[in-house]
Amino acid sequence: MKNVEALGKILQQDLKEGKLTQTRIQEELKSGTFEQTLRGLNPEAGPLLDDIGQEMKNHPNVENLPNLLNGMAGSGR
């Protein structure tokens, strides 16, 4: 859960700094490019995303990861 919190803080900071917008996040989540963008904007996000992905592979609700990311992005409003 610490990785998710850390990733949420990165997203909030990117929104605050204007690196990302809610519209861009939504568009990239829909197109499947959000992870690449986040990795490009924040090198520290890569290992967090990798760890979260590994944790989710063993979780019974793995299909909820996009919803989790969407919820985190929405919390920065």
N, C-alpha and C. Protein backbone atom coordinates (compact mmCIF):
# COMPACT_ATOMS: atom_id res chain seq x y z
N MET A 1 0.81 -1.20 0.00
CA MET A 1 0.00 0.00 0.00
C MET A 1 0.86 1.27 0.00
N LYS A 2 2.08 1.16 0.53
CA LYS A 2 2.97 2.32 0.54
C LYS A 2 3.31 2.76 -0.87
N ASN A 3 3.45 1.80 -1.78
CA ASN A 3 3.77 2.14 -3.17
C ASN A 3 2.63 2.93 -3.81
N VAL A 4 1.40 2.55 -3.51
CA VAL A 4 0.24 3.25 -4.06
C VAL A 4 0.19 4.67 -3.51
N GLU A 5 0.45 4.82 -2.23
CA GLU A 5 0.47 6.15 -1.62
C GLU A 5 1.56 7.02 -2.23
N ALA A 6 2.73 6.45 -2.43
CA ALA A 6 3.84 7.19 -3.02
C ALA A 6 3.51 7.61 -4.45
N LEU A 7 2.88 6.71 -5.20
CA LEU A 7 2.49 7.04 -6.57
C LEU A 7 1.42 8.13 -6.57
N GLY A 8 0.51 8.07 -5.62
CA GLY A 8 -0.52 9.11 -5.49
C GLY A 8 0.10 10.48 -5.23
N LYS A 9 1.13 10.52 -4.41
CA LYS A 9 1.81 11.79 -4.12
C LYS A 9 2.49 12.32 -5.37
N ILE A 10 3.08 11.43 -6.16
CA ILE A 10 3.72 11.85 -7.41
C ILE A 10 2.67 12.45 -8.34
N LEU A 11 1.53 11.79 -8.46
CA LEU A 11 0.45 12.30 -9.31
C LEU A 11 -0.03 13.67 -8.83
N GLN A 12 -0.23 13.81 -7.54
CA GLN A 12 -0.68 15.09 -7.00
C GLN A 12 0.33 16.19 -7.28
N GLN A 13 1.61 15.88 -7.13
CA GLN A 13 2.65 16.87 -7.40
C GLN A 13 2.67 17.25 -8.88
N ASP A 14 2.53 16.27 -9.76
CA ASP A 14 2.50 16.56 -11.20
C ASP A 14 1.31 17.43 -11.56
N LEU A 15 0.17 17.17 -10.95
CA LEU A 15 -1.01 18.00 -11.19
C LEU A 15 -0.77 19.42 -10.68
N LYS A 16 -0.20 19.54 -9.50
CA LYS A 16 0.07 20.84 -8.90
C LYS A 16 1.05 21.65 -9.74
N GLU A 17 2.07 20.98 -10.28
CA GLU A 17 3.09 21.65 -11.08
C GLU A 17 2.67 21.88 -12.52
N GLY A 18 1.51 21.35 -12.91
CA GLY A 18 1.03 21.53 -14.27
C GLY A 18 1.62 20.57 -15.28
N LYS A 19 2.35 19.55 -14.82
CA LYS A 19 2.90 18.55 -15.74
C LYS A 19 1.79 17.69 -16.31
N LEU A 20 0.73 17.52 -15.54
CA LEU A 20 -0.43 16.73 -15.96
C LEU A 20 -1.70 17.52 -15.69
N THR A 21 -2.73 17.21 -16.46
CA THR A 21 -4.06 17.76 -16.21
C THR A 21 -5.03 16.60 -16.06
N GLN A 22 -6.17 16.86 -15.45
CA GLN A 22 -7.18 15.82 -15.31
C GLN A 22 -7.60 15.29 -16.68
N THR A 23 -7.75 16.19 -17.64
CA THR A 23 -8.16 15.78 -18.98
C THR A 23 -7.13 14.86 -19.61
N ARG A 24 -5.87 15.24 -19.51
CA ARG A 24 -4.80 14.40 -20.08
C ARG A 24 -4.76 13.03 -19.41
N ILE A 25 -4.90 13.00 -18.10
CA ILE A 25 -4.89 11.73 -17.38
C ILE A 25 -6.03 10.85 -17.87
N GLN A 26 -7.22 11.40 -17.96
CA GLN A 26 -8.38 10.63 -18.41
C GLN A 26 -8.18 10.09 -19.82
N GLU A 27 -7.68 10.95 -20.72
CA GLU A 27 -7.46 10.53 -22.10
C GLU A 27 -6.42 9.41 -22.18
N GLU A 28 -5.35 9.56 -21.41
CA GLU A 28 -4.29 8.55 -21.46
C GLU A 28 -4.70 7.25 -20.78
N LEU A 29 -5.52 7.33 -19.74
CA LEU A 29 -6.04 6.11 -19.13
C LEU A 29 -6.90 5.35 -20.13
N LYS A 30 -7.73 6.08 -20.88
CA LYS A 30 -8.60 5.45 -21.88
C LYS A 30 -7.80 4.83 -23.02
N SER A 31 -6.73 5.51 -23.41
CA SER A 31 -5.94 5.02 -24.55
C SER A 31 -4.87 4.01 -24.13
N GLY A 32 -4.64 3.88 -22.83
CA GLY A 32 -3.65 2.92 -22.35
C GLY A 32 -2.22 3.43 -22.35
N THR A 33 -2.03 4.75 -22.43
CA THR A 33 -0.68 5.30 -22.48
C THR A 33 -0.26 5.99 -21.19
N PHE A 34 -1.11 5.97 -20.19
CA PHE A 34 -0.83 6.72 -18.96
C PHE A 34 0.44 6.23 -18.25
N GLU A 35 0.62 4.94 -18.20
CA GLU A 35 1.80 4.40 -17.51
C GLU A 35 3.08 4.91 -18.18
N GLN A 36 3.12 4.90 -19.50
CA GLN A 36 4.31 5.38 -20.22
C GLN A 36 4.56 6.85 -19.92
N THR A 37 3.50 7.64 -19.92
CA THR A 37 3.64 9.07 -19.65
C THR A 37 4.16 9.30 -18.24
N LEU A 38 3.58 8.60 -17.28
CA LEU A 38 4.00 8.77 -15.89
C LEU A 38 5.46 8.37 -15.71
N ARG A 39 5.86 7.29 -16.35
CA ARG A 39 7.26 6.86 -16.28
C ARG A 39 8.17 7.92 -16.90
N GLY A 40 7.73 8.54 -17.99
CA GLY A 40 8.53 9.56 -18.65
C GLY A 40 8.67 10.83 -17.84
N LEU A 41 7.61 11.21 -17.14
CA LEU A 41 7.63 12.42 -16.34
C LEU A 41 8.40 12.24 -15.03
N ASN A 42 8.36 11.04 -14.49
CA ASN A 42 8.92 10.79 -13.16
C ASN A 42 9.68 9.48 -13.14
N PRO A 43 10.99 9.52 -13.23
CA PRO A 43 11.77 8.28 -13.19
C PRO A 43 11.50 7.45 -11.93
N GLU A 44 11.18 8.12 -10.82
CA GLU A 44 10.91 7.38 -9.58
C GLU A 44 9.58 6.63 -9.63
N ALA A 45 8.72 6.96 -10.58
CA ALA A 45 7.43 6.27 -10.70
C ALA A 45 7.59 4.87 -11.28
N GLY A 46 8.61 4.66 -12.09
CA GLY A 46 8.81 3.36 -12.73
C GLY A 46 8.89 2.20 -11.76
N PRO A 47 9.80 2.27 -10.78
CA PRO A 47 9.88 1.17 -9.81
C PRO A 47 8.59 0.99 -9.01
N LEU A 48 7.91 2.09 -8.71
CA LEU A 48 6.64 1.99 -7.98
C LEU A 48 5.60 1.26 -8.82
N LEU A 49 5.51 1.63 -10.09
CA LEU A 49 4.56 0.97 -10.99
C LEU A 49 4.90 -0.50 -11.15
N ASP A 50 6.19 -0.81 -11.25
CA ASP A 50 6.61 -2.21 -11.36
C ASP A 50 6.20 -3.00 -10.13
N ASP A 51 6.45 -2.43 -8.95
CA ASP A 51 6.10 -3.11 -7.70
C ASP A 51 4.59 -3.30 -7.57
N ILE A 52 3.83 -2.26 -7.90
CA ILE A 52 2.37 -2.35 -7.83
C ILE A 52 1.87 -3.41 -8.80
N GLY A 53 2.44 -3.43 -10.01
CA GLY A 53 2.06 -4.43 -11.00
C GLY A 53 2.31 -5.84 -10.51
N GLN A 54 3.46 -6.06 -9.88
CA GLN A 54 3.78 -7.39 -9.34
C GLN A 54 2.81 -7.78 -8.23
N GLU A 55 2.51 -6.83 -7.36
CA GLU A 55 1.58 -7.10 -6.27
C GLU A 55 0.18 -7.42 -6.81
N MET A 56 -0.22 -6.71 -7.85
CA MET A 56 -1.56 -6.90 -8.41
C MET A 56 -1.68 -8.23 -9.15
N LYS A 57 -0.58 -8.73 -9.70
CA LYS A 57 -0.63 -10.02 -10.41
C LYS A 57 -1.11 -11.14 -9.50
N ASN A 58 -0.77 -11.04 -8.24
CA ASN A 58 -1.14 -12.07 -7.29
C ASN A 58 -2.43 -11.75 -6.54
N HIS A 59 -3.08 -10.67 -6.93
CA HIS A 59 -4.29 -10.25 -6.24
C HIS A 59 -5.51 -10.72 -7.02
N PRO A 60 -6.55 -11.16 -6.34
CA PRO A 60 -7.73 -11.66 -7.04
C PRO A 60 -8.47 -10.60 -7.85
N ASN A 61 -8.24 -9.32 -7.57
CA ASN A 61 -8.94 -8.25 -8.28
C ASN A 61 -8.00 -7.47 -9.19
N VAL A 62 -7.12 -8.17 -9.89
CA VAL A 62 -6.12 -7.53 -10.74
C VAL A 62 -6.76 -6.61 -11.77
N GLU A 63 -7.95 -6.92 -12.23
CA GLU A 63 -8.61 -6.09 -13.23
C GLU A 63 -8.98 -4.71 -12.70
N ASN A 64 -8.86 -4.49 -11.40
CA ASN A 64 -9.21 -3.20 -10.79
C ASN A 64 -8.07 -2.19 -10.83
N LEU A 65 -6.89 -2.56 -11.31
CA LEU A 65 -5.77 -1.62 -11.33
C LEU A 65 -6.09 -0.34 -12.10
N PRO A 66 -6.68 -0.40 -13.30
CA PRO A 66 -7.02 0.85 -13.98
C PRO A 66 -7.96 1.72 -13.16
N ASN A 67 -8.91 1.11 -12.47
CA ASN A 67 -9.83 1.88 -11.63
C ASN A 67 -9.09 2.51 -10.45
N LEU A 68 -8.12 1.79 -9.91
CA LEU A 68 -7.32 2.31 -8.81
C LEU A 68 -6.54 3.54 -9.28
N LEU A 69 -5.90 3.43 -10.42
CA LEU A 69 -5.15 4.57 -10.96
C LEU A 69 -6.08 5.73 -11.27
N ASN A 70 -7.24 5.44 -11.81
CA ASN A 70 -8.21 6.48 -12.11
C ASN A 70 -8.65 7.18 -10.84
N GLY A 71 -8.88 6.42 -9.78
CA GLY A 71 -9.27 7.01 -8.51
C GLY A 71 -8.18 7.88 -7.93
N MET A 72 -6.93 7.45 -8.07
CA MET A 72 -5.81 8.25 -7.58
C MET A 72 -5.72 9.55 -8.36
N ALA A 73 -5.91 9.48 -9.65
CA ALA A 73 -5.84 10.68 -10.48
C ALA A 73 -6.95 11.63 -10.11
N GLY A 74 -8.12 11.10 -9.82
CA GLY A 74 -9.25 11.93 -9.44
C GLY A 74 -9.09 12.59 -8.09
N SER A 75 -8.25 12.05 -7.23
CA SER A 75 -8.07 12.62 -5.89
C SER A 75 -7.27 13.91 -5.92
N GLY A 76 -6.64 14.22 -7.04
CA GLY A 76 -5.83 15.42 -7.13
C GLY A 76 -6.60 16.66 -7.52
N ARG A 77 -7.89 16.55 -7.63
CA ARG A 77 -8.71 17.70 -8.04
C ARG A 77 -8.70 18.80 -7.03
